[in-house]
Every structure is written in C-alpha cells, then in structure tokens.
Amino acid sequence: MGVVAREFFEHVGAFMDYRKTVYEVSDQTIKSNLTDIKLFENFIDNKQHKIIDGPAVMDFQYYLKKDRKNSGKSINRKIFTLRSYSHFIKLQDVPHSEDLPFYDVLKIRQGYQNRPDALTHKQLKLIFNAIDRNTCLGIRDYAIYALMYLAGLRVGEVFELNIDSIDIKNKELHVIGKGGKRRKLHLSDELFQIISEYLAVRKYFFNSDKTKALFVSKKGNRLAIRTMEDNFKKLVLKIGLKLRFNVTCHTLRHTFASHLNDKEIDMLVIQSLMGHATSRSTEPYIHPSHEKIREAMERLPGVIFMNRLIMEEGFKVSFQKKYRKRE
C-alpha cells in the first residue's frame, strides 16, 4: 500500500518553504527540487498511476533511463529529492506515507567516468583575452569567469551571489554552496581588483539599483546560469579551442583545483576552498599537469639512482660499431 497520488503532491509548497526556512537552502536548490518533483508528478499523471508505490517508482526509473537517457547520477539525484519529500510528508502524518518506497530504492552505481580535464595557463589566457573588457558586458563576464577560476566557484554559486556577498573591507566573499552550505573565501589582490572593476560599472546596467543580485542581465534581472554557460561556449568557439574534452564553465573550477594541486597546496585546503565535505569529493577535480607528471617520473628512485651512478662512477655510454647487431 502506498500514498494516493493526489495526496502525495499536495504538500510540495510546504516542503519548499520548510527547506528554505529551516535549512536555508539556496533558491537554485529549491528550483532544482521543484523540477524533480514536477517531473515525477507529470509522469504519474501520464501513466495514470493512482498510488505512489514500489511499481510506480520503478516505472519512473525505467522512464528516466530508457526514455530520457538520464545518467545514473541524474537518476540518483531525482530519487534523493523524492526521498527527502517523502520523509517530509511522513512527518506531516499523511496516511500510508510510512509505506513509501523511496528509501528502498538502491542507488545506481557509477562506473569509471572520464571526467573533464584542466586547462593550461596558455589556454586560460586565450579565453580571458577573448573577452572585450572595453564594454560593461565584457567587464561583467570577465569577473564571472574569474570567480570560477581564481576562487573555484560553481556556476550556481556565482548565480546566487548578491551585492552584500562581498565584504569590501576585509576582502572576503561569502558563498552559498550546495545544500545551502556557506563558506567564506579570501579574495586575492587580482580577483579583488577584477570585482572592483565590475562594481564600478554595475550601476550602468538596467534596473541594477532595484536588484540585490551581484551580476545583472541586460534586462535588469539576476543573470541566468544558462546565459553564463552560453556566453562561455561562445568564447571557446571564438578562439577555436578544440580539446579532447568538453570545455565548459565547470572546467574552470577543475582548473582551479588542479593548479592549486600543482603548486603543492594541501588537499584539505583545496577541499575547504571548494566547499567539499570530504576529500573524496575533491579528488576527481585534481588533474596533474604534464609538467608535474614528468617531474614525478624524474623523481623515481631508479632514475635518481642511475643519475648518481653515472655522475659518481663516470660511466660513459657510447655506441660503437663492434656492438652493433650484425646483419
């Protein structure tokens, strides 16, 4: 026995208010949760399921995988949202909510994924030099992508930034991460200057005085995530950057972590800067540069031993005709 479908979806608004008020989750997370639940609701309506039970949830998983071609990670996230919602309506004493099957659904295991690589300093320079900083829009975009590379912010975290997220006096940035987790980041001199340049022209954006959003669109609204992503794609196309991996805004975050790792910054520090709960979440972002890999190979004990042996014993390697293989 499960919950009547109509009763299951009656508490969505209250659930979102509860999440936002008690757990202080970000607007972007709320929007994502709503999208997940709405997708499930539309599926239930279209399939005419009257009860939310095990077969209905399994049917939904099949739909996500076969029809929508969702990855295991995407399916797991949607089920997690529904699991959180089912827990909420159980607390609301909705009849038969204790029978909801979401906690019984096994997580889809992810196989090896070829994660995005990091950019080189030369490639970064090409991207940032392609931005026209003689325009207000260019200065804005430069600041956006600088935050992703120089501070390691997610595109969703940049979206959530407000004017009061910046502590000018202490040169700090207050960030709301995934799940409403907050972290405070120090602004380097370079990043502080870039943001200051944007703040100086922000007033020229339409309706900028009527929104608390840090980054404003041409129409005077909070700049959308999709716009940030699309503008970055245009930059990559503009410079003709063709790599074996897809270059997106998130690549800048990977590059941030990788470049810190190349400078031998402690993993726990990188973890803290990126807003990760554990180092396991940080590890996939680390892509050692070719120079670091080559340097590591040169440090192998065998290589060091041979080099010392050659230097100390005066070994000489020569190729003489008498040692050549006779044909």
Protein backbone atom coordinates (compact mmCIF):
# COMPACT_ATOMS: atom_id res chain seq x y z
CA MET A 1 0.00 0.00 0.00
CA GLY A 2 1.27 3.46 -0.89
CA VAL A 3 0.05 7.04 -0.79
CA VAL A 4 -2.77 8.23 -3.02
CA ALA A 5 -1.12 10.20 -5.83
CA ARG A 6 -3.30 13.26 -5.35
CA GLU A 7 -2.46 13.44 -1.64
CA PHE A 8 1.24 12.85 -2.28
CA PHE A 9 1.69 16.07 -4.25
CA GLU A 10 -0.46 18.32 -2.01
CA HIS A 11 2.44 19.28 0.26
CA VAL A 12 5.08 20.38 -2.24
CA GLY A 13 4.72 24.09 -1.42
CA ALA A 14 5.01 23.46 2.32
CA PHE A 15 8.05 21.25 1.72
CA MET A 16 9.84 24.00 -0.20
CA ASP A 17 9.02 26.60 2.47
CA TYR A 18 10.32 24.23 5.15
CA ARG A 19 13.56 23.58 3.25
CA LYS A 20 14.16 27.26 2.58
CA THR A 21 13.33 28.48 6.09
CA VAL A 22 14.77 25.76 8.31
CA TYR A 23 17.69 24.52 6.22
CA GLU A 24 18.33 27.79 4.34
CA VAL A 25 18.86 26.01 1.03
CA SER A 26 19.56 28.23 -1.95
CA ASP A 27 16.97 29.37 -4.48
CA GLN A 28 18.75 27.30 -7.11
CA THR A 29 18.39 24.14 -4.99
CA ILE A 30 14.71 24.89 -4.43
CA LYS A 31 14.24 25.31 -8.17
CA SER A 32 16.04 22.03 -8.84
CA ASN A 33 13.93 20.18 -6.24
CA LEU A 34 10.72 21.58 -7.72
CA THR A 35 11.78 20.47 -11.20
CA ASP A 36 12.44 16.92 -9.96
CA ILE A 37 9.09 16.63 -8.17
CA LYS A 38 7.18 18.19 -11.07
CA LEU A 39 8.77 15.71 -13.47
CA PHE A 40 7.64 12.84 -11.23
CA GLU A 41 4.14 14.33 -10.96
CA ASN A 42 3.79 14.64 -14.74
CA PHE A 43 4.99 11.07 -15.15
CA ILE A 44 2.46 9.76 -12.62
CA ASP A 45 -0.35 11.69 -14.36
CA ASN A 46 0.62 10.50 -17.84
CA LYS A 47 0.93 6.87 -16.73
CA GLN A 48 -2.27 7.22 -14.69
CA HIS A 49 -0.78 5.76 -11.53
CA LYS A 50 -3.32 6.19 -8.74
CA ILE A 51 -0.98 5.12 -5.94
CA ILE A 52 2.64 6.05 -5.23
CA ASP A 53 4.10 2.63 -4.52
CA GLY A 54 7.07 0.44 -5.46
CA PRO A 55 5.92 -0.41 -9.01
CA ALA A 56 5.24 3.28 -9.74
CA VAL A 57 8.73 4.32 -8.60
CA MET A 58 10.41 1.51 -10.54
CA ASP A 59 8.41 2.52 -13.60
CA PHE A 60 9.71 6.08 -13.11
CA GLN A 61 13.31 4.82 -13.01
CA TYR A 62 12.79 2.92 -16.26
CA TYR A 63 11.37 6.08 -17.82
CA LEU A 64 14.33 8.21 -16.73
CA LYS A 65 16.87 5.70 -18.03
CA LYS A 66 15.26 4.47 -21.26
CA ASP A 67 13.19 7.44 -22.45
CA ARG A 68 15.05 10.44 -21.06
CA LYS A 69 18.50 8.82 -21.27
CA ASN A 70 19.42 10.17 -17.83
CA SER A 71 22.74 9.19 -16.30
CA GLY A 72 22.87 7.18 -13.09
CA LYS A 73 23.98 10.31 -11.24
CA SER A 74 20.97 12.27 -12.52
CA ILE A 75 18.54 9.49 -11.60
CA ASN A 76 20.05 9.18 -8.11
CA ARG A 77 19.60 12.91 -7.56
CA LYS A 78 15.93 12.81 -8.54
CA ILE A 79 15.25 9.84 -6.28
CA PHE A 80 17.07 11.61 -3.43
CA THR A 81 14.79 14.64 -3.87
CA LEU A 82 11.70 12.41 -3.75
CA ARG A 83 13.13 10.59 -0.73
CA SER A 84 13.53 13.89 1.13
CA TYR A 85 10.00 14.89 0.18
CA SER A 86 8.58 11.52 1.30
CA HIS A 87 10.28 11.98 4.67
CA PHE A 88 8.63 15.41 4.96
CA ILE A 89 5.10 14.15 4.26
CA LYS A 90 5.69 11.31 6.71
CA LEU A 91 6.31 13.97 9.36
CA GLN A 92 3.06 15.57 8.18
CA ASP A 93 1.25 12.31 9.05
CA VAL A 94 -0.03 11.77 5.52
CA PRO A 95 -1.90 8.43 5.50
CA HIS A 96 0.30 5.47 4.47
CA SER A 97 3.35 7.72 3.98
CA GLU A 98 5.37 5.24 6.05
CA ASP A 99 4.90 2.78 3.16
CA LEU A 100 6.53 4.99 0.53
CA PRO A 101 9.31 3.03 -1.20
CA PHE A 102 11.92 5.73 -1.86
CA TYR A 103 14.23 4.57 0.94
CA ASP A 104 14.18 1.05 -0.52
CA VAL A 105 15.40 2.16 -3.94
CA LEU A 106 19.03 1.18 -4.41
CA LYS A 107 21.47 3.83 -5.56
CA ILE A 108 22.67 3.33 -9.11
CA ARG A 109 26.38 2.67 -9.02
CA GLN A 110 28.55 4.75 -11.29
CA GLY A 111 31.29 3.13 -13.30
CA TYR A 112 34.50 4.90 -14.22
CA GLN A 113 33.85 8.28 -15.75
CA ASN A 114 36.32 10.17 -17.88
CA ARG A 115 36.00 13.43 -16.04
CA PRO A 116 36.85 16.81 -17.54
CA ASP A 117 40.50 17.76 -17.65
CA ALA A 118 42.03 21.05 -16.59
CA LEU A 119 43.12 23.87 -18.86
CA THR A 120 46.70 25.02 -19.21
CA HIS A 121 47.77 28.57 -18.37
CA LYS A 122 48.12 29.26 -22.08
CA GLN A 123 44.57 28.10 -22.80
CA LEU A 124 43.23 30.18 -19.92
CA LYS A 125 44.99 33.24 -21.28
CA LEU A 126 43.37 32.70 -24.69
CA ILE A 127 39.91 32.52 -23.13
CA PHE A 128 40.23 35.57 -20.88
CA ASN A 129 41.95 37.65 -23.57
CA ALA A 130 38.98 36.97 -25.86
CA ILE A 131 36.67 38.92 -23.53
CA ASP A 132 36.17 42.54 -24.58
CA ARG A 133 36.82 44.49 -21.39
CA ASN A 134 36.04 47.78 -23.09
CA THR A 135 32.32 47.09 -22.59
CA CYS A 136 30.22 46.74 -19.44
CA LEU A 137 29.11 43.28 -20.52
CA GLY A 138 32.71 42.23 -21.07
CA ILE A 139 33.81 43.52 -17.67
CA ARG A 140 30.89 41.63 -16.10
CA ASP A 141 31.70 38.35 -17.87
CA TYR A 142 35.40 38.68 -17.06
CA ALA A 143 34.52 38.95 -13.36
CA ILE A 144 32.17 35.95 -13.57
CA TYR A 145 34.71 33.59 -15.09
CA ALA A 146 37.49 34.96 -12.88
CA LEU A 147 35.44 33.90 -9.85
CA MET A 148 35.20 30.39 -11.29
CA TYR A 149 38.93 30.09 -11.92
CA LEU A 150 40.50 32.25 -9.20
CA ALA A 151 38.05 31.22 -6.45
CA GLY A 152 36.80 27.86 -7.74
CA LEU A 153 33.11 28.79 -7.64
CA ARG A 154 30.41 26.67 -9.23
CA VAL A 155 28.26 28.43 -11.81
CA GLY A 156 25.30 28.04 -9.44
CA GLU A 157 27.27 29.72 -6.66
CA VAL A 158 28.09 32.68 -8.90
CA PHE A 159 24.39 32.89 -9.75
CA GLU A 160 23.48 33.14 -6.04
CA LEU A 161 25.92 35.97 -5.26
CA ASN A 162 24.45 39.25 -4.07
CA ILE A 163 25.99 42.67 -3.58
CA ASP A 164 26.27 42.02 0.16
CA SER A 165 28.11 38.74 -0.52
CA ILE A 166 31.25 40.84 -0.89
CA ASP A 167 32.96 42.17 2.22
CA ILE A 168 34.97 45.03 0.71
CA LYS A 169 36.63 45.98 4.00
CA ASN A 170 38.00 42.50 4.73
CA LYS A 171 38.37 41.43 1.08
CA GLU A 172 36.19 38.37 1.62
CA LEU A 173 33.47 36.62 -0.36
CA HIS A 174 30.53 34.86 1.30
CA VAL A 175 29.42 31.90 -0.81
CA ILE A 176 26.31 29.72 -0.56
CA GLY A 177 27.20 26.28 -1.85
CA LYS A 178 25.30 23.07 -2.47
CA GLY A 179 22.68 22.29 0.13
CA GLY A 180 22.85 25.82 1.47
CA LYS A 181 26.34 25.26 2.91
CA ARG A 182 28.13 28.55 3.47
CA ARG A 183 31.82 29.25 3.18
CA LYS A 184 33.97 32.36 3.37
CA LEU A 185 36.73 32.90 0.83
CA HIS A 186 39.59 35.36 0.86
CA LEU A 187 39.80 37.50 -2.28
CA SER A 188 43.27 37.67 -3.78
CA ASP A 189 44.50 41.10 -4.86
CA GLU A 190 43.97 40.18 -8.51
CA LEU A 191 40.42 38.91 -8.00
CA PHE A 192 39.53 41.84 -5.74
CA GLN A 193 40.63 44.26 -8.46
CA ILE A 194 38.60 42.42 -11.12
CA ILE A 195 35.46 42.50 -8.97
CA SER A 196 36.04 46.17 -8.11
CA GLU A 197 36.19 47.00 -11.82
CA TYR A 198 32.83 45.31 -12.32
CA LEU A 199 31.26 47.06 -9.32
CA ALA A 200 32.32 50.38 -10.83
CA VAL A 201 30.25 49.72 -13.98
CA ARG A 202 27.39 47.70 -12.45
CA LYS A 203 25.35 50.89 -12.00
CA TYR A 204 25.11 51.23 -15.78
CA PHE A 205 23.06 48.03 -16.08
CA PHE A 206 19.31 48.50 -16.46
CA ASN A 207 17.45 48.34 -13.11
CA SER A 208 20.67 47.45 -11.27
CA ASP A 209 19.57 49.63 -8.36
CA LYS A 210 16.42 47.52 -7.95
CA THR A 211 18.06 44.11 -7.57
CA LYS A 212 20.38 42.73 -4.90
CA ALA A 213 21.93 40.32 -7.41
CA LEU A 214 25.65 40.87 -7.95
CA PHE A 215 25.56 40.03 -11.64
CA VAL A 216 22.83 41.72 -13.65
CA SER A 217 21.50 40.92 -17.12
CA LYS A 218 20.82 43.44 -19.89
CA LYS A 219 17.16 43.37 -18.84
CA GLY A 220 17.94 44.20 -15.23
CA ASN A 221 17.39 40.71 -13.80
CA ARG A 222 19.70 38.33 -11.99
CA LEU A 223 21.94 36.91 -14.71
CA ALA A 224 20.77 33.37 -15.52
CA ILE A 225 23.01 30.32 -15.27
CA ARG A 226 22.15 29.43 -18.85
CA THR A 227 23.41 32.83 -20.03
CA MET A 228 26.73 32.39 -18.21
CA GLU A 229 27.16 28.95 -19.77
CA ASP A 230 26.15 30.07 -23.27
CA ASN A 231 28.46 33.10 -23.18
CA PHE A 232 31.35 30.86 -22.15
CA LYS A 233 30.64 28.47 -25.03
CA LYS A 234 30.77 31.41 -27.41
CA LEU A 235 34.20 32.37 -26.04
CA VAL A 236 35.52 28.84 -26.56
CA LEU A 237 34.19 28.82 -30.14
CA LYS A 238 35.58 32.30 -30.77
CA ILE A 239 39.16 31.29 -30.03
CA GLY A 240 38.76 27.93 -31.77
CA LEU A 241 39.76 25.93 -28.71
CA LYS A 242 39.38 22.27 -29.61
CA LEU A 243 40.36 19.75 -26.96
CA ARG A 244 39.64 16.08 -26.34
CA PHE A 245 37.20 17.05 -23.59
CA ASN A 246 34.22 19.38 -23.49
CA VAL A 247 35.23 22.81 -22.16
CA THR A 248 32.52 24.39 -20.00
CA CYS A 249 32.26 26.85 -17.13
CA HIS A 250 32.80 23.94 -14.76
CA THR A 251 36.15 23.27 -16.41
CA LEU A 252 37.36 26.50 -14.77
CA ARG A 253 36.59 25.01 -11.36
CA HIS A 254 38.50 21.84 -12.25
CA THR A 255 41.39 24.02 -13.40
CA PHE A 256 41.35 25.97 -10.12
CA ALA A 257 41.76 22.76 -8.11
CA SER A 258 44.36 21.28 -10.44
CA HIS A 259 46.55 24.38 -10.48
CA LEU A 260 46.48 24.58 -6.68
CA ASN A 261 47.48 20.93 -6.55
CA ASP A 262 50.36 21.63 -8.96
CA LYS A 263 51.56 24.27 -6.51
CA GLU A 264 51.53 21.55 -3.83
CA ILE A 265 48.72 23.13 -1.80
CA ASP A 266 47.47 20.71 0.86
CA MET A 267 44.45 18.64 -0.23
CA LEU A 268 42.49 19.67 2.88
CA VAL A 269 42.96 23.33 1.96
CA ILE A 270 41.72 22.69 -1.59
CA GLN A 271 38.78 20.74 -0.15
CA SER A 272 37.85 23.68 2.08
CA LEU A 273 38.16 26.23 -0.73
CA MET A 274 35.89 24.17 -2.97
CA GLY A 275 33.26 23.64 -0.30
CA HIS A 276 33.52 19.85 -0.26
CA ALA A 277 32.54 17.83 2.80
CA THR A 278 35.21 15.19 2.19
CA SER A 279 38.44 14.88 0.21
CA ARG A 280 36.80 12.11 -1.84
CA SER A 281 34.68 14.79 -3.49
CA THR A 282 37.77 16.86 -4.23
CA GLU A 283 39.94 14.11 -5.73
CA PRO A 284 38.09 13.88 -9.10
CA TYR A 285 38.85 17.58 -9.66
CA ILE A 286 42.60 17.06 -9.47
CA HIS A 287 44.28 16.74 -12.86
CA PRO A 288 48.09 16.98 -12.51
CA SER A 289 49.73 18.91 -15.32
CA HIS A 290 52.04 17.19 -17.80
CA GLU A 291 54.94 19.06 -16.20
CA LYS A 292 54.09 17.66 -12.76
CA ILE A 293 53.74 14.14 -14.15
CA ARG A 294 57.11 14.43 -15.89
CA GLU A 295 58.68 15.83 -12.71
CA ALA A 296 57.27 12.90 -10.70
CA MET A 297 58.73 10.40 -13.14
CA GLU A 298 62.11 12.09 -12.85
CA ARG A 299 61.95 11.62 -9.07
CA LEU A 300 61.57 7.84 -9.28
CA PRO A 301 64.25 6.16 -7.11
CA GLY A 302 65.57 4.18 -10.06
CA VAL A 303 66.09 7.32 -12.12
CA ILE A 304 67.81 9.12 -9.26
CA PHE A 305 70.00 6.07 -8.61
CA MET A 306 71.11 5.82 -12.22
CA ASN A 307 71.87 9.53 -12.45
CA ARG A 308 74.03 9.39 -9.33
CA LEU A 309 75.75 6.25 -10.55
CA ILE A 310 76.64 7.89 -13.84
CA MET A 311 77.94 11.01 -12.08
CA GLU A 312 79.89 9.24 -9.34
CA GLU A 313 81.41 6.37 -11.32
CA GLY A 314 81.98 8.31 -14.50
CA PHE A 315 80.05 5.84 -16.61
CA LYS A 316 80.06 6.65 -20.27
CA VAL A 317 77.59 5.37 -22.73
CA SER A 318 78.76 5.07 -26.26
CA PHE A 319 77.68 3.26 -29.33
CA GLN A 320 80.46 1.51 -31.17
CA LYS A 321 80.30 -0.36 -34.38
CA LYS A 322 81.56 -3.57 -32.81
CA TYR A 323 78.48 -3.69 -30.55
CA ARG A 324 76.04 -3.23 -33.37
CA LYS A 325 73.98 -6.19 -34.28
CA ARG A 326 75.45 -7.90 -37.29
CA GLU A 327 73.09 -8.34 -40.14
